[in-house]
Amino acid sequence: MSAHCQLTGRKPGFGNTISHSHRRTARRFGPNIQRRRYWLPSEGRYVRLALSAKGIKTVDVIGVEAAVARIRARGEKV
């Protein structure tokens, strides 16, 4: 599973870990991706989405139908 949110498009950020001696080593800040299953009434089936924490809150506000419509508008398969 790639570390990106299907709804918001959040991806890993990159930066440096800085030690006490101030040496820098590359690191990656991963998004908080959760796999959630939602009932899609219009199709009569469940859909499984990989969403960030912000994406889950967005689905709670706009509804699963609108969220799936946004994902499909971007060209992703659901």
C-alpha atoms as a PDB file:
ATOM      1  CA  MET A   1       0.000   0.000   0.000  1.00  0.00           C
ATOM      2  CA  SER A   2       1.502   3.340  -1.016  1.00  0.00           C
ATOM      3  CA  ALA A   3       1.589   5.965   1.685  1.00  0.00           C
ATOM      4  CA  HIS A   4      -0.823   8.497   0.211  1.00  0.00           C
ATOM      5  CA  CYS A   5      -4.371   9.527   1.026  1.00  0.00           C
ATOM      6  CA  GLN A   6      -6.893   8.790  -1.700  1.00  0.00           C
ATOM      7  CA  LEU A   7      -9.037  11.800  -0.772  1.00  0.00           C
ATOM      8  CA  THR A   8      -6.684  14.597   0.252  1.00  0.00           C
ATOM      9  CA  GLY A   9      -3.608  13.414  -1.663  1.00  0.00           C
ATOM     10  CA  ARG A  10      -1.316  13.709   1.337  1.00  0.00           C
ATOM     11  CA  LYS A  11       2.059  12.030   0.759  1.00  0.00           C
ATOM     12  CA  PRO A  12       5.183  11.561   2.843  1.00  0.00           C
ATOM     13  CA  GLY A  13       7.241  14.642   3.614  1.00  0.00           C
ATOM     14  CA  PHE A  14      11.021  14.525   3.671  1.00  0.00           C
ATOM     15  CA  GLY A  15      13.476  16.228   5.937  1.00  0.00           C
ATOM     16  CA  ASN A  16      16.416  15.653   8.237  1.00  0.00           C
ATOM     17  CA  THR A  17      16.936  14.189  11.669  1.00  0.00           C
ATOM     18  CA  ILE A  18      19.352  16.467  13.490  1.00  0.00           C
ATOM     19  CA  SER A  19      21.406  14.853  16.227  1.00  0.00           C
ATOM     20  CA  HIS A  20      22.802  16.505  19.330  1.00  0.00           C
ATOM     21  CA  SER A  21      26.083  17.121  17.476  1.00  0.00           C
ATOM     22  CA  HIS A  22      23.998  18.659  14.650  1.00  0.00           C
ATOM     23  CA  ARG A  23      24.731  15.917  12.101  1.00  0.00           C
ATOM     24  CA  ARG A  24      21.908  15.610   9.601  1.00  0.00           C
ATOM     25  CA  THR A  25      20.546  12.338   8.282  1.00  0.00           C
ATOM     26  CA  ALA A  26      17.669  11.995   5.856  1.00  0.00           C
ATOM     27  CA  ARG A  27      14.303  10.922   7.197  1.00  0.00           C
ATOM     28  CA  ARG A  28      10.732  10.608   6.023  1.00  0.00           C
ATOM     29  CA  PHE A  29       7.592  11.927   7.720  1.00  0.00           C
ATOM     30  CA  GLY A  30       4.827   9.489   6.833  1.00  0.00           C
ATOM     31  CA  PRO A  31       1.173  10.544   6.749  1.00  0.00           C
ATOM     32  CA  ASN A  32      -1.254   8.918   9.184  1.00  0.00           C
ATOM     33  CA  ILE A  33      -2.861   6.525   6.668  1.00  0.00           C
ATOM     34  CA  GLN A  34      -5.730   4.315   7.837  1.00  0.00           C
ATOM     35  CA  ARG A  35      -7.643   1.731   5.793  1.00  0.00           C
ATOM     36  CA  ARG A  36     -11.388   2.291   6.311  1.00  0.00           C
ATOM     37  CA  ARG A  37     -14.396   0.439   4.927  1.00  0.00           C
ATOM     38  CA  TYR A  38     -17.454   2.516   4.042  1.00  0.00           C
ATOM     39  CA  TRP A  39     -20.903   1.437   2.854  1.00  0.00           C
ATOM     40  CA  LEU A  40     -21.709   3.022  -0.507  1.00  0.00           C
ATOM     41  CA  PRO A  41     -25.547   3.027  -0.713  1.00  0.00           C
ATOM     42  CA  SER A  42     -25.732   4.062  -4.387  1.00  0.00           C
ATOM     43  CA  GLU A  43     -23.810   0.949  -5.456  1.00  0.00           C
ATOM     44  CA  GLY A  44     -25.024  -1.353  -2.683  1.00  0.00           C
ATOM     45  CA  ARG A  45     -21.511  -2.381  -1.668  1.00  0.00           C
ATOM     46  CA  TYR A  46     -18.640  -1.568   0.646  1.00  0.00           C
ATOM     47  CA  VAL A  47     -15.605   0.365  -0.544  1.00  0.00           C
ATOM     48  CA  ARG A  48     -12.241   0.238   1.166  1.00  0.00           C
ATOM     49  CA  LEU A  49     -10.363   3.536   1.187  1.00  0.00           C
ATOM     50  CA  ALA A  50      -6.840   4.444   2.321  1.00  0.00           C
ATOM     51  CA  LEU A  51      -7.356   7.772   4.075  1.00  0.00           C
ATOM     52  CA  SER A  52      -5.303  10.092   6.236  1.00  0.00           C
ATOM     53  CA  ALA A  53      -6.744  11.210   9.567  1.00  0.00           C
ATOM     54  CA  LYS A  54      -7.784  14.481   7.905  1.00  0.00           C
ATOM     55  CA  GLY A  55      -9.385  12.502   5.060  1.00  0.00           C
ATOM     56  CA  ILE A  56     -11.494  10.505   7.535  1.00  0.00           C
ATOM     57  CA  LYS A  57     -12.743  13.756   9.100  1.00  0.00           C
ATOM     58  CA  THR A  58     -13.533  15.093   5.623  1.00  0.00           C
ATOM     59  CA  VAL A  59     -15.640  12.009   4.839  1.00  0.00           C
ATOM     60  CA  ASP A  60     -17.524  12.569   8.104  1.00  0.00           C
ATOM     61  CA  VAL A  61     -18.376  16.119   6.997  1.00  0.00           C
ATOM     62  CA  ILE A  62     -19.149  15.742   3.272  1.00  0.00           C
ATOM     63  CA  GLY A  63     -20.348  12.126   3.259  1.00  0.00           C
ATOM     64  CA  VAL A  64     -19.019   9.014   1.572  1.00  0.00           C
ATOM     65  CA  GLU A  65     -20.878   9.608  -1.720  1.00  0.00           C
ATOM     66  CA  ALA A  66     -19.259  13.022  -2.251  1.00  0.00           C
ATOM     67  CA  ALA A  67     -15.863  11.714  -1.133  1.00  0.00           C
ATOM     68  CA  VAL A  68     -15.959   8.840  -3.630  1.00  0.00           C
ATOM     69  CA  ALA A  69     -17.045  11.290  -6.339  1.00  0.00           C
ATOM     70  CA  ARG A  70     -13.987  13.471  -5.582  1.00  0.00           C
ATOM     71  CA  ILE A  71     -11.662  10.446  -5.692  1.00  0.00           C
ATOM     72  CA  ARG A  72     -13.097   9.312  -9.012  1.00  0.00           C
ATOM     73  CA  ALA A  73     -12.868  12.852 -10.434  1.00  0.00           C
ATOM     74  CA  ARG A  74      -9.107  12.677  -9.851  1.00  0.00           C
ATOM     75  CA  GLY A  75      -9.012   9.471 -11.897  1.00  0.00           C
ATOM     76  CA  GLU A  76      -8.428   6.961  -9.106  1.00  0.00           C
ATOM     77  CA  LYS A  77     -10.263   3.650  -9.181  1.00  0.00           C
ATOM     78  CA  VAL A  78     -12.561   2.880  -6.222  1.00  0.00           C
END
